[in-house]
Amino acid sequence: MRVHLENIVLFKNIDEETINKIENFTTEHRVSKDNIVFYEGDEPKYLYLLVKGVIKLYKTSSNHKEVVLKYFHDNELIGEVANFEGMPYPATAKAYSDVEFLKIDFEKLKEVIFSNPNMAFNIQTSLIKKIKNLENIISTNLVLDSKERVAKYIYNHSEDFFETKNIEIAEVLGVSPETLSRILKFFKDKEIINVKTKFADKEALREFF
């Protein structure tokens, strides 16, 4: 448990005594694929840290369609904005694979945060990244067409794009897997991306959005 706590941004450069305190009100959990970790509207009593697997965060539209906001992977915090804002979870977290995660009692964690300047700074950094990610999702889905969305995604995620499943990318971008495949073929034919060598011509991609 200690290793996982020390691996996340929130607890970077935190002394051993503080980590020991946090460990005392942290529990380990396992959830199998397709089960819910928390629902949209739930009260944020715990801070969730994904240890292993993939969790999908999504909202449900008025016509019951899932709108994927993000896929979370190892050593990522899930939904912490709701914790720090004191608001219900704005989206549902679902196990996309079998997952292991930690639940940290947030009320007890706040007591530790208030006495630790390093943690306060780490929180600020983490929340800014999440807000930027959300703003990017909104602007991408409202303004850009499918090809522009894909180009911008590859441009912004060139390091992990080739390791991410196409179905995950398609859901995040709000396009069908068939549309994504067609667009990726276009970029391959134009030699803008190369899957085998994991190459992406960011300068060429930038021209599409």
Protein backbone atom coordinates (compact mmCIF):
# COMPACT_ATOMS: atom_id res chain seq x y z
CA MET A 1 0.00 0.00 0.00
CA ARG A 2 2.79 2.42 0.94
CA VAL A 3 4.43 2.13 -2.49
CA HIS A 4 1.18 3.05 -4.24
CA LEU A 5 0.58 6.04 -2.00
CA GLU A 6 4.08 7.36 -2.61
CA ASN A 7 3.69 6.97 -6.39
CA ILE A 8 0.92 9.54 -6.85
CA VAL A 9 1.42 13.27 -7.31
CA LEU A 10 -0.63 14.14 -4.24
CA PHE A 11 1.86 12.48 -1.89
CA LYS A 12 5.14 13.35 -3.60
CA ASN A 13 7.87 14.66 -1.25
CA ILE A 14 5.77 13.81 1.81
CA ASP A 15 7.59 12.66 4.96
CA GLU A 16 7.36 9.08 6.21
CA GLU A 17 5.40 9.98 9.34
CA THR A 18 2.64 11.59 7.25
CA ILE A 19 2.48 8.61 4.91
CA ASN A 20 2.09 6.35 7.97
CA LYS A 21 -0.90 8.41 9.14
CA ILE A 22 -2.56 8.20 5.72
CA GLU A 23 -1.95 4.47 5.58
CA ASN A 24 -3.98 4.03 8.78
CA PHE A 25 -7.21 5.25 7.15
CA THR A 26 -6.68 3.73 3.71
CA THR A 27 -8.23 0.43 2.59
CA GLU A 28 -7.56 -1.83 -0.40
CA HIS A 29 -10.35 -3.01 -2.71
CA ARG A 30 -10.82 -5.18 -5.79
CA VAL A 31 -13.69 -4.88 -8.30
CA SER A 32 -14.30 -7.10 -11.31
CA LYS A 33 -14.86 -5.83 -14.84
CA ASP A 34 -18.11 -3.92 -15.60
CA ASN A 35 -18.89 -3.23 -11.93
CA ILE A 36 -19.42 0.31 -10.65
CA VAL A 37 -16.83 1.95 -8.40
CA PHE A 38 -19.03 4.97 -7.67
CA TYR A 39 -22.13 6.52 -9.26
CA GLU A 40 -22.76 10.01 -10.52
CA GLY A 41 -24.43 11.85 -7.62
CA ASP A 42 -22.75 9.82 -4.84
CA GLU A 43 -21.26 11.76 -1.93
CA PRO A 44 -17.43 11.86 -2.14
CA LYS A 45 -16.57 10.28 1.21
CA TYR A 46 -13.39 8.68 -0.11
CA LEU A 47 -10.48 9.61 -2.32
CA TYR A 48 -9.95 6.82 -4.87
CA LEU A 49 -6.51 5.79 -6.11
CA LEU A 50 -6.42 3.28 -8.96
CA VAL A 51 -3.62 0.77 -8.35
CA LYS A 52 -4.13 -1.66 -11.22
CA GLY A 53 -6.44 -1.93 -14.22
CA VAL A 54 -8.55 0.58 -16.14
CA ILE A 55 -11.54 2.60 -14.90
CA LYS A 56 -13.89 4.45 -17.24
CA LEU A 57 -15.38 7.76 -16.09
CA TYR A 58 -18.57 8.70 -17.94
CA LYS A 59 -21.76 10.72 -17.78
CA THR A 60 -25.16 9.53 -19.03
CA SER A 61 -27.03 11.83 -21.40
CA SER A 62 -30.81 12.41 -21.43
CA ASN A 63 -31.20 9.72 -24.10
CA HIS A 64 -29.21 7.24 -21.95
CA LYS A 65 -26.05 7.47 -24.05
CA GLU A 66 -22.70 7.21 -22.30
CA VAL A 67 -20.39 10.19 -22.76
CA VAL A 68 -16.89 9.07 -21.81
CA LEU A 69 -14.82 11.72 -20.04
CA LYS A 70 -11.64 9.77 -19.38
CA TYR A 71 -10.01 6.38 -18.90
CA PHE A 72 -7.90 6.09 -15.77
CA HIS A 73 -4.86 3.83 -15.49
CA ASP A 74 -2.41 2.72 -12.79
CA ASN A 75 -1.50 5.24 -10.06
CA GLU A 76 -4.14 7.82 -10.98
CA LEU A 77 -6.57 9.56 -8.65
CA ILE A 78 -10.23 9.35 -9.70
CA GLY A 79 -12.76 12.12 -9.20
CA GLU A 80 -10.75 14.08 -6.64
CA VAL A 81 -12.22 17.37 -7.87
CA ALA A 82 -15.52 16.35 -6.24
CA ASN A 83 -13.73 15.67 -2.94
CA PHE A 84 -12.03 19.04 -2.79
CA GLU A 85 -15.04 20.96 -4.04
CA GLY A 86 -17.37 19.19 -1.60
CA MET A 87 -19.83 18.26 -4.35
CA PRO A 88 -21.41 14.95 -5.44
CA TYR A 89 -19.49 12.98 -8.06
CA PRO A 90 -20.36 14.56 -11.44
CA ALA A 91 -19.85 11.28 -13.31
CA THR A 92 -19.92 7.50 -12.86
CA ALA A 93 -16.74 5.42 -12.49
CA LYS A 94 -16.94 1.89 -13.90
CA ALA A 95 -14.37 -0.90 -13.97
CA TYR A 96 -13.29 -1.28 -17.62
CA SER A 97 -11.21 -4.29 -16.56
CA ASP A 98 -10.68 -6.09 -13.26
CA VAL A 99 -9.30 -3.36 -11.02
CA GLU A 100 -7.55 -2.82 -7.70
CA PHE A 101 -7.80 0.51 -5.93
CA LEU A 102 -7.30 2.27 -2.61
CA LYS A 103 -10.03 4.16 -0.74
CA ILE A 104 -8.74 6.97 1.48
CA ASP A 105 -11.06 8.44 4.12
CA PHE A 106 -11.27 12.02 2.88
CA GLU A 107 -12.32 13.72 6.13
CA LYS A 108 -9.29 12.29 7.91
CA LEU A 109 -7.08 13.15 4.94
CA LYS A 110 -8.18 16.79 5.11
CA GLU A 111 -6.84 17.03 8.66
CA VAL A 112 -3.44 15.91 7.39
CA ILE A 113 -3.55 18.27 4.39
CA PHE A 114 -4.23 21.33 6.55
CA SER A 115 -0.98 20.75 8.45
CA ASN A 116 1.18 19.93 5.41
CA PRO A 117 2.10 22.72 2.92
CA ASN A 118 3.67 20.26 0.46
CA MET A 119 0.42 18.35 0.13
CA ALA A 120 -1.57 21.55 -0.37
CA PHE A 121 0.73 22.47 -3.27
CA ASN A 122 0.48 18.97 -4.75
CA ILE A 123 -3.32 19.17 -4.62
CA GLN A 124 -3.30 22.48 -6.46
CA THR A 125 -1.11 20.99 -9.19
CA SER A 126 -3.32 17.91 -9.56
CA LEU A 127 -6.57 19.89 -9.75
CA ILE A 128 -5.19 22.29 -12.35
CA LYS A 129 -4.28 19.33 -14.56
CA LYS A 130 -7.79 17.87 -14.19
CA ILE A 131 -9.45 21.19 -15.02
CA LYS A 132 -7.29 21.60 -18.11
CA ASN A 133 -8.21 18.06 -19.19
CA LEU A 134 -11.93 18.79 -18.78
CA GLU A 135 -11.67 22.07 -20.69
CA ASN A 136 -9.85 20.26 -23.47
CA ILE A 137 -12.56 17.58 -23.71
CA ILE A 138 -15.34 20.19 -23.90
CA SER A 139 -13.64 22.35 -26.51
CA THR A 140 -12.61 19.36 -28.59
CA ASN A 141 -16.10 17.83 -28.73
CA LEU A 142 -17.92 21.13 -29.38
CA VAL A 143 -15.66 22.73 -31.97
CA LEU A 144 -13.73 20.12 -33.93
CA ASP A 145 -14.92 17.57 -36.48
CA SER A 146 -13.90 13.88 -36.25
CA LYS A 147 -10.62 14.15 -38.15
CA GLU A 148 -9.63 17.28 -36.24
CA ARG A 149 -10.43 15.56 -32.92
CA VAL A 150 -8.28 12.55 -33.77
CA ALA A 151 -5.39 14.75 -34.93
CA LYS A 152 -5.52 16.81 -31.73
CA TYR A 153 -5.71 13.68 -29.57
CA ILE A 154 -2.62 12.15 -31.19
CA TYR A 155 -0.82 15.50 -30.96
CA ASN A 156 -1.56 15.81 -27.22
CA HIS A 157 -1.00 12.13 -26.38
CA SER A 158 1.83 11.20 -28.75
CA GLU A 159 3.72 9.37 -25.99
CA ASP A 160 0.92 6.97 -25.02
CA PHE A 161 -1.27 7.00 -28.15
CA PHE A 162 0.27 3.84 -29.58
CA GLU A 163 -0.23 1.98 -26.29
CA THR A 164 -3.94 2.86 -25.98
CA LYS A 165 -6.68 0.67 -27.42
CA ASN A 166 -8.57 2.15 -30.36
CA ILE A 167 -11.93 1.51 -28.69
CA GLU A 168 -10.86 3.64 -25.71
CA ILE A 169 -9.74 6.48 -27.98
CA ALA A 170 -12.97 6.27 -29.99
CA GLU A 171 -15.12 6.53 -26.86
CA VAL A 172 -13.14 9.44 -25.44
CA LEU A 173 -13.42 11.32 -28.76
CA GLY A 174 -17.07 10.49 -29.31
CA VAL A 175 -16.55 8.77 -32.67
CA SER A 176 -17.33 5.25 -33.82
CA PRO A 177 -14.48 2.69 -33.98
CA GLU A 178 -15.06 2.51 -37.76
CA THR A 179 -14.66 6.26 -38.13
CA LEU A 180 -11.50 6.21 -36.04
CA SER A 181 -10.02 3.38 -38.13
CA ARG A 182 -10.77 5.28 -41.33
CA ILE A 183 -9.12 8.45 -40.04
CA LEU A 184 -6.07 6.58 -38.75
CA LYS A 185 -5.69 4.96 -42.18
CA PHE A 186 -5.75 8.42 -43.73
CA PHE A 187 -2.94 9.58 -41.43
CA LYS A 188 -0.97 6.39 -42.10
CA ASP A 189 -1.33 6.78 -45.88
CA LYS A 190 -0.12 10.38 -45.56
CA GLU A 191 2.84 9.07 -43.49
CA ILE A 192 1.80 11.33 -40.62
CA ILE A 193 1.77 8.39 -38.20
CA ASN A 194 3.52 5.04 -38.24
CA VAL A 195 2.19 2.39 -35.86
CA LYS A 196 5.16 0.04 -36.24
CA THR A 197 7.77 2.64 -35.35
CA LYS A 198 5.38 4.55 -33.02
CA PHE A 199 6.05 7.76 -34.91
CA ALA A 200 3.72 10.78 -35.05
CA ASP A 201 4.53 13.88 -37.09
CA LYS A 202 3.23 16.50 -34.65
CA GLU A 203 3.92 19.37 -37.02
CA ALA A 204 1.75 17.76 -39.71
CA LEU A 205 -0.99 16.88 -37.19
CA ARG A 206 -1.13 20.49 -35.98
CA GLU A 207 -2.36 21.58 -39.42
CA PHE A 208 -5.60 19.66 -38.93
CA PHE A 209 -6.93 21.56 -35.90
